[in-house]
Amino acid sequence: MADQTQPWAERTVEVPPQAGVGVPPQRDGFRRGVAPVGEPRTPRTEPFPVVEQEPTGTGWPGEPVPRRSLSSRVAQLRRGGEWSAAAGLFAFVCWGIWALSGQGDLSGPLLVLVLSLLVAVGLFALFRLVGRVVLERQLGRVRRSARGAHLATAVFLVGLGVAWLQQTEWVVSAWNWISSN
């Protein structure tokens, strides 16, 4: 054997394998590093028999359709609101140009603006009502937004803004000068 007084001189002693000591005998099909997967168990209970169901829509047959909440209705009204907001901003700017170019008291033009916006709100309500009667009641469709009513109201507001600009003398003369050159 080697001299054991020096630490670098230590040597591992080889031991021959002994039967029955060390790794126990494994069952058939064992592979090192692979988890064993057992066979699927049979269910303890019997599953219920499948019953065919006729599609009747939502809920039970004959039961009334549940009403939607107020927050979902308001959210539906807001979808498409960017059309009305952009057209309302355009109409307001056009009204401002028209009102300030009149060089008079602003109470009359302010009344015109308020009445015009009330007419736009009334048109929006009318378009929603027509959509409800035609789309939901007669055609049986579900409306998911108010984009159509907002778009129609936006067309009205843009037309209103253009009409106010047509009543402003310096805008009409500038338009004629641009289109003639």
N, C-alpha and C. Protein backbone atom coordinates (compact mmCIF):
# COMPACT_ATOMS: atom_id res chain seq x y z
N MET A 1 0.82 -1.17 0.00
CA MET A 1 0.00 0.00 0.00
C MET A 1 0.86 1.23 0.00
N ALA A 2 0.28 2.37 -0.39
CA ALA A 2 1.04 3.61 -0.49
C ALA A 2 1.23 4.19 0.90
N ASP A 3 2.21 5.09 0.96
CA ASP A 3 2.50 5.75 2.22
C ASP A 3 1.35 6.67 2.57
N GLN A 4 0.67 6.52 3.72
CA GLN A 4 -0.50 7.29 4.11
C GLN A 4 -0.14 8.55 4.88
N THR A 5 1.13 8.84 5.08
CA THR A 5 1.50 10.06 5.78
C THR A 5 1.36 11.29 4.91
N GLN A 6 1.41 11.13 3.61
CA GLN A 6 1.24 12.23 2.68
C GLN A 6 -0.24 12.30 2.24
N PRO A 7 -0.89 13.53 2.29
CA PRO A 7 -2.31 13.61 1.90
C PRO A 7 -2.52 13.32 0.43
N TRP A 8 -1.58 13.64 -0.43
CA TRP A 8 -1.75 13.37 -1.86
C TRP A 8 -1.59 11.91 -2.19
N ALA A 9 -1.09 11.17 -1.26
CA ALA A 9 -0.84 9.76 -1.52
C ALA A 9 -2.04 8.89 -1.17
N GLU A 10 -3.12 9.47 -0.68
CA GLU A 10 -4.29 8.66 -0.36
C GLU A 10 -4.89 8.07 -1.62
N ARG A 11 -5.35 6.90 -1.46
CA ARG A 11 -5.91 6.22 -2.61
C ARG A 11 -7.18 5.53 -2.20
N THR A 12 -8.18 5.57 -3.14
CA THR A 12 -9.43 4.89 -2.89
C THR A 12 -9.24 3.41 -3.07
N VAL A 13 -9.75 2.69 -2.12
CA VAL A 13 -9.63 1.25 -2.18
C VAL A 13 -10.84 0.71 -2.94
N GLU A 14 -10.59 -0.09 -3.94
CA GLU A 14 -11.69 -0.65 -4.72
C GLU A 14 -12.23 -1.87 -4.00
N VAL A 15 -13.58 -1.88 -3.90
CA VAL A 15 -14.24 -3.00 -3.25
C VAL A 15 -15.05 -3.74 -4.30
N PRO A 16 -14.91 -5.03 -4.39
CA PRO A 16 -15.72 -5.75 -5.38
C PRO A 16 -17.19 -5.74 -4.98
N PRO A 17 -18.11 -5.68 -5.97
CA PRO A 17 -19.54 -5.65 -5.65
C PRO A 17 -19.97 -6.92 -4.94
N GLN A 18 -20.87 -6.73 -3.99
CA GLN A 18 -21.36 -7.86 -3.23
C GLN A 18 -22.84 -8.05 -3.54
N ALA A 19 -23.25 -9.24 -3.63
CA ALA A 19 -24.65 -9.54 -3.93
C ALA A 19 -25.51 -9.26 -2.71
N GLY A 20 -26.67 -8.63 -2.92
CA GLY A 20 -27.60 -8.36 -1.84
C GLY A 20 -27.34 -7.06 -1.11
N VAL A 21 -26.25 -6.40 -1.40
CA VAL A 21 -25.93 -5.14 -0.75
C VAL A 21 -25.89 -4.05 -1.83
N GLY A 22 -26.39 -2.86 -1.53
CA GLY A 22 -26.36 -1.75 -2.50
C GLY A 22 -27.75 -1.51 -3.08
N VAL A 23 -27.85 -1.51 -4.39
CA VAL A 23 -29.12 -1.24 -5.08
C VAL A 23 -29.98 -2.48 -5.01
N PRO A 24 -31.20 -2.34 -4.51
CA PRO A 24 -32.08 -3.51 -4.46
C PRO A 24 -32.53 -3.91 -5.86
N PRO A 25 -32.89 -5.15 -6.02
CA PRO A 25 -33.35 -5.59 -7.34
C PRO A 25 -34.63 -4.84 -7.72
N GLN A 26 -34.74 -4.44 -9.00
CA GLN A 26 -35.87 -3.64 -9.49
C GLN A 26 -36.86 -4.53 -10.22
N ARG A 27 -38.09 -3.97 -10.32
CA ARG A 27 -39.12 -4.72 -11.04
C ARG A 27 -38.88 -4.59 -12.55
N ASP A 28 -39.56 -5.36 -13.31
CA ASP A 28 -39.38 -5.35 -14.76
C ASP A 28 -39.85 -4.01 -15.33
N GLY A 29 -39.20 -3.51 -16.34
CA GLY A 29 -39.59 -2.28 -17.01
C GLY A 29 -39.06 -1.03 -16.34
N PHE A 30 -38.23 -1.17 -15.32
CA PHE A 30 -37.70 0.00 -14.64
C PHE A 30 -36.59 0.61 -15.46
N ARG A 31 -36.68 1.96 -15.63
CA ARG A 31 -35.61 2.68 -16.30
C ARG A 31 -35.21 3.83 -15.39
N ARG A 32 -33.93 3.97 -15.20
CA ARG A 32 -33.42 4.99 -14.30
C ARG A 32 -33.71 6.38 -14.88
N GLY A 33 -34.26 7.31 -14.04
CA GLY A 33 -34.54 8.69 -14.45
C GLY A 33 -35.91 8.87 -15.07
N VAL A 34 -36.71 7.83 -15.17
CA VAL A 34 -38.04 7.95 -15.76
C VAL A 34 -39.05 7.58 -14.69
N ALA A 35 -40.00 8.48 -14.44
CA ALA A 35 -41.00 8.22 -13.40
C ALA A 35 -41.97 7.15 -13.88
N PRO A 36 -42.31 6.24 -12.98
CA PRO A 36 -43.25 5.20 -13.38
C PRO A 36 -44.68 5.77 -13.46
N VAL A 37 -45.39 5.42 -14.48
CA VAL A 37 -46.78 5.86 -14.65
C VAL A 37 -47.64 4.63 -14.53
N GLY A 38 -48.54 4.70 -13.59
CA GLY A 38 -49.41 3.56 -13.37
C GLY A 38 -50.53 3.51 -14.40
N GLU A 39 -51.21 2.42 -14.40
CA GLU A 39 -52.35 2.27 -15.29
C GLU A 39 -53.50 3.10 -14.76
N PRO A 40 -54.36 3.62 -15.65
CA PRO A 40 -55.49 4.42 -15.16
C PRO A 40 -56.43 3.57 -14.34
N ARG A 41 -56.87 4.16 -13.24
CA ARG A 41 -57.78 3.43 -12.36
C ARG A 41 -59.17 3.39 -12.95
N THR A 42 -59.87 2.39 -12.62
CA THR A 42 -61.26 2.33 -13.04
C THR A 42 -62.07 3.21 -12.09
N PRO A 43 -63.04 3.95 -12.59
CA PRO A 43 -63.82 4.83 -11.71
C PRO A 43 -64.61 4.02 -10.69
N ARG A 44 -64.74 4.59 -9.51
CA ARG A 44 -65.45 3.90 -8.44
C ARG A 44 -66.96 3.93 -8.64
N THR A 45 -67.41 4.96 -9.33
CA THR A 45 -68.85 5.06 -9.57
C THR A 45 -69.11 4.97 -11.06
N GLU A 46 -70.35 4.75 -11.41
CA GLU A 46 -70.73 4.68 -12.81
C GLU A 46 -71.16 6.07 -13.26
N PRO A 47 -70.75 6.51 -14.44
CA PRO A 47 -71.17 7.83 -14.91
C PRO A 47 -72.67 7.86 -15.21
N PHE A 48 -73.23 9.04 -15.11
CA PHE A 48 -74.64 9.19 -15.42
C PHE A 48 -74.86 9.01 -16.91
N PRO A 49 -76.01 8.50 -17.29
CA PRO A 49 -76.27 8.36 -18.73
C PRO A 49 -76.44 9.74 -19.37
N VAL A 50 -75.98 9.88 -20.60
CA VAL A 50 -76.07 11.14 -21.32
C VAL A 50 -77.47 11.29 -21.89
N VAL A 51 -78.07 12.44 -21.60
CA VAL A 51 -79.41 12.72 -22.10
C VAL A 51 -79.29 13.80 -23.17
N GLU A 52 -79.84 13.57 -24.32
CA GLU A 52 -79.82 14.56 -25.38
C GLU A 52 -80.74 15.72 -25.02
N GLN A 53 -80.31 16.95 -25.35
CA GLN A 53 -81.11 18.13 -25.05
C GLN A 53 -81.32 18.91 -26.33
N GLU A 54 -82.54 19.33 -26.53
CA GLU A 54 -82.84 20.13 -27.70
C GLU A 54 -82.46 21.57 -27.42
N PRO A 55 -81.77 22.22 -28.36
CA PRO A 55 -81.41 23.62 -28.12
C PRO A 55 -82.65 24.52 -28.18
N THR A 56 -82.86 25.26 -27.12
CA THR A 56 -84.03 26.15 -27.06
C THR A 56 -83.62 27.59 -26.86
N GLY A 57 -82.35 27.89 -26.97
CA GLY A 57 -81.90 29.25 -26.72
C GLY A 57 -81.25 29.32 -25.35
N THR A 58 -81.51 30.39 -24.62
CA THR A 58 -80.92 30.54 -23.30
C THR A 58 -81.95 30.20 -22.24
N GLY A 59 -81.50 29.55 -21.21
CA GLY A 59 -82.38 29.26 -20.08
C GLY A 59 -83.32 28.10 -20.35
N TRP A 60 -84.32 28.00 -19.52
CA TRP A 60 -85.31 26.94 -19.62
C TRP A 60 -86.38 27.32 -20.63
N PRO A 61 -87.01 26.34 -21.24
CA PRO A 61 -88.07 26.67 -22.19
C PRO A 61 -89.23 27.39 -21.49
N GLY A 62 -89.71 28.43 -22.10
CA GLY A 62 -90.83 29.17 -21.55
C GLY A 62 -90.45 30.22 -20.53
N GLU A 63 -89.19 30.22 -20.08
CA GLU A 63 -88.75 31.20 -19.10
C GLU A 63 -88.40 32.50 -19.81
N PRO A 64 -88.75 33.65 -19.26
CA PRO A 64 -88.42 34.91 -19.94
C PRO A 64 -86.91 35.15 -19.95
N VAL A 65 -86.47 35.89 -20.96
CA VAL A 65 -85.05 36.20 -21.11
C VAL A 65 -84.64 37.15 -19.97
N PRO A 66 -83.53 36.86 -19.29
CA PRO A 66 -83.13 37.75 -18.18
C PRO A 66 -82.76 39.14 -18.69
N ARG A 67 -83.09 40.15 -17.91
CA ARG A 67 -82.82 41.54 -18.28
C ARG A 67 -81.35 41.86 -18.03
N ARG A 68 -80.81 42.70 -18.90
CA ARG A 68 -79.42 43.11 -18.74
C ARG A 68 -79.33 44.21 -17.70
N SER A 69 -78.15 44.33 -17.10
CA SER A 69 -77.96 45.35 -16.07
C SER A 69 -77.81 46.73 -16.71
N LEU A 70 -77.96 47.75 -15.89
CA LEU A 70 -77.85 49.12 -16.38
C LEU A 70 -76.43 49.43 -16.86
N SER A 71 -75.44 48.89 -16.16
CA SER A 71 -74.05 49.17 -16.57
C SER A 71 -73.73 48.56 -17.93
N SER A 72 -74.29 47.40 -18.24
CA SER A 72 -74.04 46.81 -19.56
C SER A 72 -74.76 47.60 -20.65
N ARG A 73 -75.91 48.18 -20.33
CA ARG A 73 -76.61 49.02 -21.31
C ARG A 73 -75.83 50.30 -21.58
N VAL A 74 -75.29 50.90 -20.53
CA VAL A 74 -74.50 52.13 -20.70
C VAL A 74 -73.23 51.82 -21.48
N ALA A 75 -72.61 50.69 -21.20
CA ALA A 75 -71.41 50.30 -21.94
C ALA A 75 -71.74 50.09 -23.42
N GLN A 76 -72.92 49.55 -23.71
CA GLN A 76 -73.33 49.35 -25.09
C GLN A 76 -73.55 50.69 -25.78
N LEU A 77 -74.09 51.67 -25.07
CA LEU A 77 -74.30 53.00 -25.65
C LEU A 77 -72.98 53.71 -25.94
N ARG A 78 -71.95 53.42 -25.17
CA ARG A 78 -70.66 54.09 -25.36
C ARG A 78 -69.90 53.56 -26.56
N ARG A 79 -70.16 52.34 -26.98
CA ARG A 79 -69.44 51.78 -28.13
C ARG A 79 -69.85 52.54 -29.38
N GLY A 80 -68.88 53.17 -30.01
CA GLY A 80 -69.13 53.98 -31.19
C GLY A 80 -69.23 55.45 -30.86
N GLY A 81 -69.09 55.82 -29.59
CA GLY A 81 -69.23 57.20 -29.17
C GLY A 81 -68.16 58.12 -29.70
N GLU A 82 -67.04 57.56 -30.18
CA GLU A 82 -65.98 58.41 -30.73
C GLU A 82 -66.45 59.13 -31.99
N TRP A 83 -67.38 58.51 -32.73
CA TRP A 83 -67.94 59.18 -33.92
C TRP A 83 -68.71 60.43 -33.51
N SER A 84 -69.58 60.29 -32.54
CA SER A 84 -70.37 61.44 -32.09
C SER A 84 -69.49 62.49 -31.44
N ALA A 85 -68.49 62.08 -30.69
CA ALA A 85 -67.61 63.04 -30.01
C ALA A 85 -66.80 63.84 -31.02
N ALA A 86 -66.25 63.18 -32.03
CA ALA A 86 -65.46 63.89 -33.04
C ALA A 86 -66.33 64.85 -33.84
N ALA A 87 -67.52 64.38 -34.22
CA ALA A 87 -68.42 65.26 -34.98
C ALA A 87 -68.93 66.40 -34.12
N GLY A 88 -69.17 66.14 -32.84
CA GLY A 88 -69.59 67.21 -31.93
C GLY A 88 -68.50 68.26 -31.76
N LEU A 89 -67.26 67.83 -31.68
CA LEU A 89 -66.15 68.77 -31.59
C LEU A 89 -66.04 69.60 -32.87
N PHE A 90 -66.20 68.96 -34.03
CA PHE A 90 -66.18 69.68 -35.30
C PHE A 90 -67.32 70.70 -35.35
N ALA A 91 -68.51 70.30 -34.96
CA ALA A 91 -69.65 71.22 -34.98
C ALA A 91 -69.42 72.37 -34.01
N PHE A 92 -68.84 72.10 -32.85
CA PHE A 92 -68.58 73.17 -31.87
C PHE A 92 -67.58 74.18 -32.41
N VAL A 93 -66.52 73.71 -33.06
CA VAL A 93 -65.53 74.62 -33.64
C VAL A 93 -66.17 75.46 -34.75
N CYS A 94 -66.96 74.82 -35.60
CA CYS A 94 -67.64 75.55 -36.67
C CYS A 94 -68.63 76.56 -36.09
N TRP A 95 -69.34 76.19 -35.04
CA TRP A 95 -70.25 77.12 -34.38
C TRP A 95 -69.48 78.31 -33.81
N GLY A 96 -68.32 78.04 -33.22
CA GLY A 96 -67.50 79.12 -32.66
C GLY A 96 -67.05 80.10 -33.73
N ILE A 97 -66.64 79.58 -34.88
CA ILE A 97 -66.24 80.45 -35.98
C ILE A 97 -67.43 81.29 -36.44
N TRP A 98 -68.58 80.66 -36.58
CA TRP A 98 -69.79 81.34 -37.03
C TRP A 98 -70.24 82.39 -36.01
N ALA A 99 -70.22 82.01 -34.72
CA ALA A 99 -70.71 82.92 -33.68
C ALA A 99 -69.77 84.12 -33.51
N LEU A 100 -68.47 83.89 -33.56
CA LEU A 100 -67.52 85.00 -33.36
C LEU A 100 -67.42 85.92 -34.58
N SER A 101 -67.71 85.41 -35.75
CA SER A 101 -67.65 86.26 -36.93
C SER A 101 -68.89 87.14 -37.06
N GLY A 102 -69.93 86.86 -36.26
CA GLY A 102 -71.13 87.69 -36.26
C GLY A 102 -70.91 89.01 -35.53
N GLN A 103 -69.91 89.11 -34.68
CA GLN A 103 -69.53 90.31 -33.94
C GLN A 103 -70.70 90.94 -33.20
N GLY A 104 -71.49 90.14 -32.59
CA GLY A 104 -72.61 90.67 -31.83
C GLY A 104 -72.74 89.94 -30.51
N ASP A 105 -73.93 90.00 -29.96
CA ASP A 105 -74.22 89.32 -28.71
C ASP A 105 -74.22 87.80 -28.95
N LEU A 106 -73.63 87.03 -28.04
CA LEU A 106 -73.52 85.58 -28.21
C LEU A 106 -74.71 84.82 -27.64
N SER A 107 -75.71 85.50 -27.10
CA SER A 107 -76.84 84.78 -26.51
C SER A 107 -77.67 84.08 -27.59
N GLY A 108 -77.84 84.71 -28.74
CA GLY A 108 -78.59 84.08 -29.85
C GLY A 108 -77.86 82.87 -30.39
N PRO A 109 -76.59 82.99 -30.77
CA PRO A 109 -75.85 81.81 -31.24
C PRO A 109 -75.72 80.71 -30.18
N LEU A 110 -75.65 81.08 -28.90
CA LEU A 110 -75.59 80.07 -27.84
C LEU A 110 -76.88 79.28 -27.77
N LEU A 111 -78.01 79.96 -27.94
CA LEU A 111 -79.31 79.28 -27.97
C LEU A 111 -79.38 78.34 -29.18
N VAL A 112 -78.84 78.78 -30.32
CA VAL A 112 -78.81 77.93 -31.53
C VAL A 112 -77.98 76.68 -31.27
N LEU A 113 -76.83 76.83 -30.59
CA LEU A 113 -75.98 75.68 -30.29
C LEU A 113 -76.69 74.68 -29.38
N VAL A 114 -77.32 75.20 -28.33
CA VAL A 114 -78.01 74.31 -27.38
C VAL A 114 -79.15 73.57 -28.07
N LEU A 115 -79.94 74.27 -28.86
CA LEU A 115 -81.06 73.61 -29.57
C LEU A 115 -80.55 72.60 -30.59
N SER A 116 -79.45 72.93 -31.26
CA SER A 116 -78.89 71.99 -32.24
C SER A 116 -78.38 70.72 -31.56
N LEU A 117 -77.75 70.86 -30.40
CA LEU A 117 -77.28 69.68 -29.66
C LEU A 117 -78.45 68.86 -29.13
N LEU A 118 -79.53 69.52 -28.73
CA LEU A 118 -80.72 68.78 -28.30
C LEU A 118 -81.34 68.01 -29.47
N VAL A 119 -81.34 68.61 -30.65
CA VAL A 119 -81.83 67.89 -31.84
C VAL A 119 -80.94 66.69 -32.13
N ALA A 120 -79.62 66.84 -31.97
CA ALA A 120 -78.71 65.71 -32.20
C ALA A 120 -78.96 64.59 -31.20
N VAL A 121 -79.21 64.94 -29.94
CA VAL A 121 -79.53 63.91 -28.94
C VAL A 121 -80.85 63.23 -29.27
N GLY A 122 -81.82 64.00 -29.72
CA GLY A 122 -83.11 63.42 -30.13
C GLY A 122 -82.96 62.49 -31.32
N LEU A 123 -82.12 62.87 -32.29
CA LEU A 123 -81.87 61.98 -33.43
C LEU A 123 -81.19 60.69 -33.00
N PHE A 124 -80.25 60.80 -32.06
CA PHE A 124 -79.59 59.60 -31.55
C PHE A 124 -80.61 58.66 -30.91
N ALA A 125 -81.51 59.22 -30.09
CA ALA A 125 -82.55 58.41 -29.46
C ALA A 125 -83.48 57.80 -30.50
N LEU A 126 -83.82 58.57 -31.54
CA LEU A 126 -84.68 58.05 -32.60
C LEU A 126 -84.01 56.91 -33.35
N PHE A 127 -82.72 57.06 -33.66
CA PHE A 127 -82.00 55.99 -34.35
C PHE A 127 -81.89 54.74 -33.49
N ARG A 128 -81.71 54.91 -32.18
CA ARG A 128 -81.68 53.74 -31.28
C ARG A 128 -83.03 53.04 -31.26
N LEU A 129 -84.11 53.83 -31.24
CA LEU A 129 -85.46 53.25 -31.22
C LEU A 129 -85.74 52.50 -32.51
N VAL A 130 -85.39 53.09 -33.64
CA VAL A 130 -85.59 52.41 -34.92
C VAL A 130 -84.76 51.13 -34.97
N GLY A 131 -83.52 51.19 -34.49
CA GLY A 131 -82.69 49.99 -34.45
C GLY A 131 -83.28 48.91 -33.56
N ARG A 132 -83.86 49.30 -32.45
CA ARG A 132 -84.47 48.30 -31.56
C ARG A 132 -85.68 47.65 -32.21
N VAL A 133 -86.53 48.47 -32.85
CA VAL A 133 -87.74 47.91 -33.48
C VAL A 133 -87.38 47.05 -34.67
N VAL A 134 -86.49 47.54 -35.53
CA VAL A 134 -86.19 46.81 -36.77
C VAL A 134 -85.25 45.63 -36.50
N LEU A 135 -84.12 45.89 -35.86
CA LEU A 135 -83.13 44.82 -35.70
C LEU A 135 -83.52 43.79 -34.66
N GLU A 136 -83.91 44.24 -33.48
CA GLU A 136 -84.16 43.29 -32.40
C GLU A 136 -85.53 42.64 -32.49
N ARG A 137 -86.55 43.43 -32.72
CA ARG A 137 -87.91 42.87 -32.71
C ARG A 137 -88.26 42.15 -34.00
N GLN A 138 -88.03 42.79 -35.15
CA GLN A 138 -88.47 42.19 -36.41
C GLN A 138 -87.47 41.19 -36.97
N LEU A 139 -86.19 41.50 -36.91
CA LEU A 139 -85.19 40.60 -37.48
C LEU A 139 -84.60 39.62 -36.47
N GLY A 140 -84.85 39.86 -35.18
CA GLY A 140 -84.37 38.94 -34.15
C GLY A 140 -82.88 38.99 -33.91
N ARG A 141 -82.20 40.06 -34.30
CA ARG A 141 -80.77 40.17 -34.08
C ARG A 141 -80.47 40.83 -32.74
N VAL A 142 -79.26 40.61 -32.25
CA VAL A 142 -78.82 41.22 -31.00
C VAL A 142 -77.89 42.38 -31.34
N ARG A 143 -78.19 43.56 -30.81
CA ARG A 143 -77.30 44.70 -31.03
C ARG A 143 -76.24 44.69 -29.95
N ARG A 144 -74.98 44.79 -30.37
CA ARG A 144 -73.88 44.77 -29.42
C ARG A 144 -73.26 46.14 -29.20
N SER A 145 -73.69 47.13 -29.99
CA SER A 145 -73.14 48.47 -29.84
C SER A 145 -74.14 49.49 -30.37
N ALA A 146 -73.76 50.75 -30.24
CA ALA A 146 -74.59 51.84 -30.75
C ALA A 146 -73.87 52.56 -31.88
N ARG A 147 -73.02 51.84 -32.61
CA ARG A 147 -72.21 52.47 -33.65
C ARG A 147 -73.06 53.08 -34.76
N GLY A 148 -74.12 52.42 -35.16
CA GLY A 148 -74.97 52.95 -36.23
C GLY A 148 -75.62 54.26 -35.84
N ALA A 149 -76.17 54.33 -34.63
CA ALA A 149 -76.80 55.56 -34.16
C ALA A 149 -75.76 56.67 -33.98
N HIS A 150 -74.59 56.32 -33.48
CA HIS A 150 -73.53 57.33 -33.33
C HIS A 150 -73.07 57.84 -34.70
N LEU A 151 -72.95 56.94 -35.67
CA LEU A 151 -72.50 57.35 -36.99
C LEU A 151 -73.54 58.26 -37.67
N ALA A 152 -74.82 57.92 -37.55
CA ALA A 152 -75.86 58.76 -38.14
C ALA A 152 -75.91 60.13 -37.46
N THR A 153 -75.74 60.15 -36.15
CA THR A 153 -75.71 61.43 -35.42
C THR A 153 -74.48 62.24 -35.83
N ALA A 154 -73.37 61.57 -36.06
CA ALA A 154 -72.15 62.26 -36.49
C ALA A 154 -72.34 62.89 -37.86
N VAL A 155 -73.05 62.20 -38.76
CA VAL A 155 -73.32 62.78 -40.08
C VAL A 155 -74.15 64.06 -39.93
N PHE A 156 -75.15 64.02 -39.04
CA PHE A 156 -75.95 65.22 -38.79
C PHE A 156 -75.09 66.35 -38.24
N LEU A 157 -74.24 66.08 -37.28
CA LEU A 157 -73.41 67.12 -36.67
C LEU A 157 -72.39 67.71 -37.64
N VAL A 158 -71.82 66.87 -38.50
CA VAL A 158 -70.88 67.39 -39.50
C VAL A 158 -71.62 68.27 -40.50
N GLY A 159 -72.81 67.84 -40.91
CA GLY A 159 -73.62 68.67 -41.81
C GLY A 159 -73.99 69.99 -41.16
N LEU A 160 -74.27 69.97 -39.88
CA LEU A 160 -74.59 71.18 -39.13
C LEU A 160 -73.39 72.12 -39.09
N GLY A 161 -72.20 71.57 -38.85
CA GLY A 161 -70.99 72.39 -38.83
C GLY A 161 -70.70 73.01 -40.19
N VAL A 162 -70.88 72.23 -41.25
CA VAL A 162 -70.66 72.75 -42.60
C VAL A 162 -71.67 73.87 -42.89
N ALA A 163 -72.91 73.70 -42.46
CA ALA A 163 -73.93 74.75 -42.67
C ALA A 163 -73.55 76.02 -41.93
N TRP A 164 -73.01 75.92 -40.74
CA TRP A 164 -72.57 77.12 -40.01
C TRP A 164 -71.40 77.78 -40.73
N LEU A 165 -70.49 76.98 -41.28
CA LEU A 165 -69.37 77.57 -42.02
C LEU A 165 -69.84 78.25 -43.32
N GLN A 166 -70.88 77.71 -43.94
CA GLN A 166 -71.40 78.31 -45.16
C GLN A 166 -72.07 79.66 -44.89
N GLN A 167 -72.44 79.92 -43.66
CA GLN A 167 -73.05 81.20 -43.30
C GLN A 167 -72.00 82.23 -42.87
N THR A 168 -70.74 81.84 -42.86
CA THR A 168 -69.67 82.76 -42.48
C THR A 168 -69.04 83.31 -43.76
N GLU A 169 -69.07 84.63 -43.92
CA GLU A 169 -68.68 85.26 -45.18
C GLU A 169 -67.21 85.03 -45.51
N TRP A 170 -66.30 85.21 -44.56
CA TRP A 170 -64.89 85.10 -44.86
C TRP A 170 -64.47 83.66 -45.16
N VAL A 171 -65.19 82.66 -44.59
CA VAL A 171 -64.89 81.25 -44.90
C VAL A 171 -65.33 80.94 -46.32
N VAL A 172 -66.51 81.46 -46.73
CA VAL A 172 -67.01 81.22 -48.09
C VAL A 172 -66.09 81.88 -49.11
N SER A 173 -65.66 83.11 -48.84
CA SER A 173 -64.77 83.80 -49.78
C SER A 173 -63.41 83.10 -49.85
N ALA A 174 -62.89 82.59 -48.74
CA ALA A 174 -61.64 81.85 -48.74
C ALA A 174 -61.79 80.56 -49.53
N TRP A 175 -62.91 79.86 -49.36
CA TRP A 175 -63.16 78.63 -50.10
C TRP A 175 -63.25 78.91 -51.61
N ASN A 176 -63.93 79.99 -51.98
CA ASN A 176 -64.05 80.34 -53.40
C ASN A 176 -62.69 80.71 -53.97
N TRP A 177 -61.85 81.39 -53.21
CA TRP A 177 -60.54 81.77 -53.67
C TRP A 177 -59.65 80.54 -53.87
N ILE A 178 -59.75 79.56 -52.96
CA ILE A 178 -58.94 78.33 -53.07
C ILE A 178 -59.41 77.48 -54.25
N SER A 179 -60.73 77.36 -54.40
CA SER A 179 -61.26 76.50 -55.47
C SER A 179 -61.09 77.11 -56.85
N SER A 180 -60.99 78.47 -56.95
CA SER A 180 -60.83 79.08 -58.27
C SER A 180 -59.38 79.04 -58.73
N ASN A 181 -58.43 78.92 -57.85
CA ASN A 181 -57.00 78.90 -58.26
C ASN A 181 -56.52 77.52 -58.47
